[in-house]
Amino acid sequence: MDVSYKGAAGKASLEFKKQKIAQGGVPNMTQDPNSSTKISLILHGTKGPISNDIKKSLKDKNPKSMHLKIEVPMEVNSWAKTLQKDMTITCDYKNGRFAEALALYDTAISIDPNKASYRSNKSHAQTALGKLLEAAFECREAIRIDPYYQRAHIRLATLYTSSSSSEHLCTEAKRQRDWNTLVKEAALAIAAGADSAPLIFSLKAEALLKLRKHQEADETMAKGPNFDIDECIKFFGPIASASLLLVHAQVNMVVGRLVSCLFCTERDSITMKK
């Protein structure tokens, strides 16, 4: 006996706050009654209008309860007879539980470490939790496993935009010792999406120190992301990480935090030896 699902005649929809926000088709498939089958649904935004309240709620980072509905004709075939029936599957779920998702992806990876989609999805959860460097590592691992896995490439490009690659906008101003321009370009880079790039904050703080705006330099470093230095070395390299520590030490020194200054200087020395 086998069960066939006539996906061509089926449909799937996603509702949020009792309003349909996405819809799509259902794939054709056949399965043995004693087995389980994983299916992929691709949903697209609905053509109808969506209220401003719904749009605002979808954009915020709070967990959201949604309702998924799948309607598909099914056919049960056996040696005795064939039974046809319309089947409706509904489920409620809450998204935004990224810590739980991360734990589940870790379990999945331990079972099958060579699955690129597990690594990419883990990267998504890490990004949502603010673990950007770890997320980049998982994207790289997904690409190593499957160089043609497009989603991992896109996620890694997005992470680079927010975490590292924007510093080239400021280096020319630093080379010319144009500190006012460097401050402006760093601020623009942060506003444009580099708000998780520690080197951008470091460049801005360095420029403010040169302009003798010590308090603003301290505030700038405080607003930057607080990544573990060992992770920074893996992501940015030892030279860039040493530069970051050096600016930290300079800021701590001018505002009177001598112990923190000595700690950063010591880590800078260790970093340069790596």
Protein backbone atom coordinates (compact mmCIF):
# COMPACT_ATOMS: atom_id res chain seq x y z
CA MET A 1 0.00 0.00 0.00
CA ASP A 2 1.18 3.51 -0.71
CA VAL A 3 -0.13 7.02 -0.27
CA SER A 4 0.08 9.65 -3.01
CA TYR A 5 -0.42 13.36 -2.50
CA LYS A 6 -1.61 15.33 -5.53
CA GLY A 7 0.31 18.48 -4.87
CA ALA A 8 -0.59 20.07 -8.21
CA ALA A 9 -4.14 20.42 -6.93
CA GLY A 10 -3.12 21.47 -3.43
CA LYS A 11 -2.30 24.77 -1.79
CA ALA A 12 -0.58 26.12 1.29
CA SER A 13 -1.09 29.39 3.13
CA LEU A 14 0.44 31.23 6.09
CA GLU A 15 -1.63 33.46 8.36
CA PHE A 16 -0.52 36.05 10.90
CA LYS A 17 -3.06 37.73 13.15
CA LYS A 18 -5.81 36.02 11.10
CA GLN A 19 -4.60 37.63 7.87
CA LYS A 20 -3.10 35.62 5.02
CA ILE A 21 0.44 36.89 4.40
CA ALA A 22 1.86 34.18 2.13
CA GLN A 23 0.69 31.35 -0.09
CA GLY A 24 2.11 28.70 -2.39
CA GLY A 25 1.78 25.25 -3.87
CA VAL A 26 2.37 21.75 -2.53
CA PRO A 27 4.79 19.26 -4.16
CA ASN A 28 3.64 15.91 -5.53
CA MET A 29 4.90 12.97 -3.47
CA THR A 30 4.35 9.32 -2.66
CA GLN A 31 5.21 7.57 0.58
CA ASP A 32 4.96 4.24 2.30
CA PRO A 33 2.51 4.38 5.24
CA ASN A 34 5.26 3.24 7.63
CA SER A 35 7.72 5.96 6.63
CA SER A 36 8.06 9.70 7.06
CA THR A 37 8.73 12.16 4.25
CA LYS A 38 10.11 15.68 4.53
CA ILE A 39 8.63 18.22 2.12
CA SER A 40 9.69 21.75 1.24
CA LEU A 41 7.16 24.52 0.87
CA ILE A 42 7.94 27.73 -1.00
CA LEU A 43 5.51 30.48 -0.09
CA HIS A 44 5.21 33.86 -1.76
CA GLY A 45 3.64 37.07 -0.52
CA THR A 46 -0.04 37.50 -1.22
CA LYS A 47 -1.21 39.93 -3.88
CA GLY A 48 -3.80 41.52 -1.61
CA PRO A 49 -3.10 44.52 0.67
CA ILE A 50 -1.56 43.99 4.09
CA SER A 51 -2.44 46.40 6.88
CA ASN A 52 0.21 48.71 8.32
CA ASP A 53 -0.23 47.03 11.71
CA ILE A 54 0.67 43.65 10.21
CA LYS A 55 3.67 45.10 8.35
CA LYS A 56 4.96 46.76 11.53
CA SER A 57 4.53 43.58 13.57
CA LEU A 58 6.35 41.48 10.97
CA LYS A 59 9.36 43.80 11.00
CA ASP A 60 9.94 43.84 14.74
CA LYS A 61 12.12 41.19 16.42
CA ASN A 62 9.53 39.92 18.88
CA PRO A 63 8.41 36.26 18.64
CA LYS A 64 5.37 35.83 16.38
CA SER A 65 2.62 33.20 16.42
CA MET A 66 1.60 32.07 12.93
CA HIS A 67 -0.80 29.55 11.42
CA LEU A 68 0.17 27.27 8.53
CA LYS A 69 -2.55 25.49 6.53
CA ILE A 70 -1.94 22.86 3.83
CA GLU A 71 -4.79 21.50 1.70
CA VAL A 72 -3.98 18.60 -0.66
CA PRO A 73 -5.91 15.71 -2.29
CA MET A 74 -4.58 12.29 -1.27
CA GLU A 75 -4.93 8.82 -2.75
CA VAL A 76 -4.44 5.59 -0.83
CA ASN A 77 -3.68 2.64 -3.08
CA SER A 78 -3.89 -0.98 -1.93
CA TRP A 79 -4.47 -4.37 -3.55
CA ALA A 80 -8.14 -4.20 -2.54
CA LYS A 81 -9.18 -0.68 -3.53
CA THR A 82 -8.17 2.93 -4.09
CA LEU A 83 -9.41 5.58 -1.67
CA GLN A 84 -9.40 9.28 -2.55
CA LYS A 85 -9.79 12.02 0.04
CA ASP A 86 -9.06 15.71 0.53
CA MET A 87 -6.68 16.25 3.43
CA THR A 88 -6.18 19.46 5.41
CA ILE A 89 -3.16 19.93 7.67
CA THR A 90 -2.98 22.88 10.06
CA CYS A 91 -0.35 23.82 12.59
CA ASP A 92 0.41 26.76 14.82
CA TYR A 93 3.96 27.76 15.55
CA LYS A 94 5.91 30.59 17.10
CA ASN A 95 8.98 31.99 15.41
CA GLY A 96 11.71 34.07 16.97
CA ARG A 97 12.85 31.33 19.40
CA PHE A 98 16.39 31.44 18.06
CA ALA A 99 18.17 30.01 21.10
CA GLU A 100 16.04 26.87 20.89
CA ALA A 101 16.59 26.70 17.14
CA LEU A 102 20.34 26.98 17.64
CA ALA A 103 20.33 24.01 20.01
CA LEU A 104 18.32 21.96 17.52
CA TYR A 105 20.69 22.80 14.66
CA ASP A 106 23.65 21.80 16.83
CA THR A 107 21.96 18.43 17.37
CA ALA A 108 21.25 18.05 13.65
CA ILE A 109 24.87 18.88 12.77
CA SER A 110 26.15 16.30 15.26
CA ILE A 111 24.05 13.69 13.44
CA ASP A 112 24.96 14.82 9.91
CA PRO A 113 27.91 17.27 9.92
CA ASN A 114 28.10 17.34 6.12
CA LYS A 115 24.70 18.93 5.53
CA ALA A 116 25.24 22.48 4.22
CA SER A 117 21.65 23.58 4.96
CA TYR A 118 22.10 22.78 8.67
CA ARG A 119 25.16 25.03 8.83
CA SER A 120 23.43 27.83 6.92
CA ASN A 121 20.31 27.68 9.09
CA LYS A 122 22.47 27.66 12.22
CA SER A 123 24.12 30.81 10.86
CA HIS A 124 20.69 32.45 10.57
CA ALA A 125 19.90 31.69 14.23
CA GLN A 126 23.31 32.97 15.34
CA THR A 127 22.82 36.19 13.38
CA ALA A 128 19.48 36.77 15.09
CA LEU A 129 21.19 36.28 18.46
CA GLY A 130 23.92 38.78 17.57
CA LYS A 131 26.65 36.13 17.21
CA LEU A 132 27.85 37.52 13.89
CA LEU A 133 31.37 36.12 13.82
CA GLU A 134 30.16 32.63 14.67
CA ALA A 135 27.47 33.03 12.00
CA ALA A 136 30.12 33.87 9.41
CA PHE A 137 32.12 30.76 10.36
CA GLU A 138 29.04 28.56 9.85
CA CYS A 139 28.37 30.14 6.44
CA ARG A 140 31.95 29.43 5.42
CA GLU A 141 31.57 25.84 6.56
CA ALA A 142 28.32 25.49 4.58
CA ILE A 143 30.08 26.79 1.46
CA ARG A 144 33.00 24.42 2.04
CA ILE A 145 30.55 21.50 2.16
CA ASP A 146 28.56 22.72 -0.86
CA PRO A 147 30.25 25.50 -2.88
CA TYR A 148 27.04 25.99 -4.90
CA TYR A 149 24.75 26.49 -1.89
CA GLN A 150 23.45 29.94 -2.81
CA ARG A 151 21.75 30.80 0.47
CA ALA A 152 25.00 30.46 2.40
CA HIS A 153 26.77 32.76 -0.08
CA ILE A 154 24.05 35.39 0.33
CA ARG A 155 24.11 35.20 4.12
CA LEU A 156 27.90 35.46 4.22
CA ALA A 157 27.83 38.50 1.93
CA THR A 158 25.28 40.16 4.22
CA LEU A 159 27.43 39.40 7.28
CA TYR A 160 30.51 40.87 5.63
CA THR A 161 28.56 44.05 4.85
CA SER A 162 27.59 44.49 8.49
CA SER A 163 30.74 43.12 10.12
CA SER A 164 33.91 43.85 8.20
CA SER A 165 34.05 44.97 4.61
CA SER A 166 32.91 48.57 5.14
CA GLU A 167 36.21 49.74 6.64
CA HIS A 168 37.63 50.38 3.17
CA LEU A 169 35.40 53.48 3.07
CA CYS A 170 37.49 55.02 5.84
CA THR A 171 41.05 53.89 5.20
CA GLU A 172 41.78 56.49 2.52
CA ALA A 173 40.77 59.33 4.86
CA LYS A 174 43.02 57.83 7.54
CA ARG A 175 45.93 57.57 5.09
CA GLN A 176 45.54 61.27 4.27
CA ARG A 177 45.17 62.07 7.99
CA ASP A 178 41.87 63.78 7.24
CA TRP A 179 40.35 63.09 10.65
CA ASN A 180 37.14 65.10 10.20
CA THR A 181 36.33 63.22 6.99
CA LEU A 182 37.17 59.93 8.67
CA VAL A 183 34.68 60.67 11.46
CA LYS A 184 31.97 61.51 8.90
CA GLU A 185 32.65 58.46 6.71
CA ALA A 186 32.67 56.11 9.70
CA ALA A 187 29.34 57.53 10.88
CA LEU A 188 27.88 57.03 7.39
CA ALA A 189 29.20 53.46 7.22
CA ILE A 190 27.62 52.64 10.61
CA ALA A 191 24.31 54.18 9.55
CA ALA A 192 24.43 52.23 6.26
CA GLY A 193 24.63 48.87 8.03
CA ALA A 194 28.15 48.47 9.42
CA ASP A 195 26.87 48.80 12.98
CA SER A 196 28.42 45.44 13.86
CA ALA A 197 31.86 46.25 12.45
CA PRO A 198 34.33 46.79 15.33
CA LEU A 199 37.02 48.16 13.00
CA ILE A 200 34.71 50.98 11.84
CA PHE A 201 34.11 52.04 15.44
CA SER A 202 37.85 51.77 16.08
CA LEU A 203 38.68 54.02 13.10
CA LYS A 204 36.14 56.59 14.21
CA ALA A 205 37.46 56.54 17.78
CA GLU A 206 41.03 56.92 16.52
CA ALA A 207 40.01 59.98 14.47
CA LEU A 208 38.26 61.50 17.48
CA LEU A 209 41.41 60.98 19.56
CA LYS A 210 43.43 62.85 16.92
CA LEU A 211 40.86 65.66 17.13
CA ARG A 212 41.26 65.63 20.96
CA LYS A 213 37.63 64.65 21.45
CA HIS A 214 38.46 62.09 24.10
CA GLN A 215 35.01 61.68 25.61
CA GLU A 216 33.43 61.11 22.19
CA ALA A 217 36.12 58.56 21.38
CA ASP A 218 35.32 56.69 24.60
CA GLU A 219 31.59 56.78 23.84
CA THR A 220 32.23 55.50 20.31
CA MET A 221 34.20 52.48 21.53
CA ALA A 222 31.50 51.76 24.11
CA LYS A 223 28.82 51.70 21.39
CA GLY A 224 30.75 49.24 19.21
CA PRO A 225 30.19 45.46 19.29
CA ASN A 226 32.06 43.63 22.03
CA PHE A 227 33.48 40.61 20.20
CA ASP A 228 35.85 38.16 21.82
CA ILE A 229 39.37 39.02 20.68
CA ASP A 230 40.18 35.42 19.69
CA GLU A 231 37.12 35.40 17.43
CA CYS A 232 38.22 38.75 15.97
CA ILE A 233 41.63 37.29 15.15
CA LYS A 234 39.98 34.41 13.28
CA PHE A 235 37.69 36.76 11.37
CA PHE A 236 39.76 39.91 10.76
CA GLY A 237 43.31 38.58 11.15
CA PRO A 238 46.01 39.41 13.74
CA ILE A 239 47.07 42.80 12.31
CA ALA A 240 43.58 44.31 12.22
CA SER A 241 42.78 42.84 15.64
CA ALA A 242 46.00 44.30 17.09
CA SER A 243 45.04 47.69 15.69
CA LEU A 244 41.65 47.38 17.37
CA LEU A 245 43.28 46.59 20.73
CA LEU A 246 45.72 49.46 20.32
CA VAL A 247 42.92 52.00 19.88
CA HIS A 248 41.14 50.47 22.88
CA ALA A 249 44.33 50.99 24.91
CA GLN A 250 44.73 54.59 23.74
CA VAL A 251 41.12 55.44 24.63
CA ASN A 252 41.42 53.80 28.05
CA MET A 253 44.64 55.73 28.72
CA VAL A 254 43.29 59.19 27.86
CA VAL A 255 40.18 58.71 30.02
CA GLY A 256 42.20 57.39 32.96
CA ARG A 257 41.44 53.65 32.87
CA LEU A 258 45.07 52.58 33.25
CA VAL A 259 44.39 48.96 34.25
CA SER A 260 42.24 48.43 31.16
CA CYS A 261 44.91 50.17 29.11
CA LEU A 262 47.59 47.75 30.34
CA PHE A 263 45.31 44.76 29.64
CA CYS A 264 44.66 45.88 26.04
CA THR A 265 48.36 46.55 25.50
CA GLU A 266 49.23 43.09 26.76
CA ARG A 267 46.62 41.45 24.51
CA ASP A 268 47.94 43.53 21.61
CA SER A 269 51.41 42.11 22.17
CA ILE A 270 50.07 38.56 22.32
CA THR A 271 48.01 39.11 19.17
CA MET A 272 50.99 40.32 17.17
CA LYS A 273 52.91 37.17 18.11
CA LYS A 274 50.18 34.87 16.76
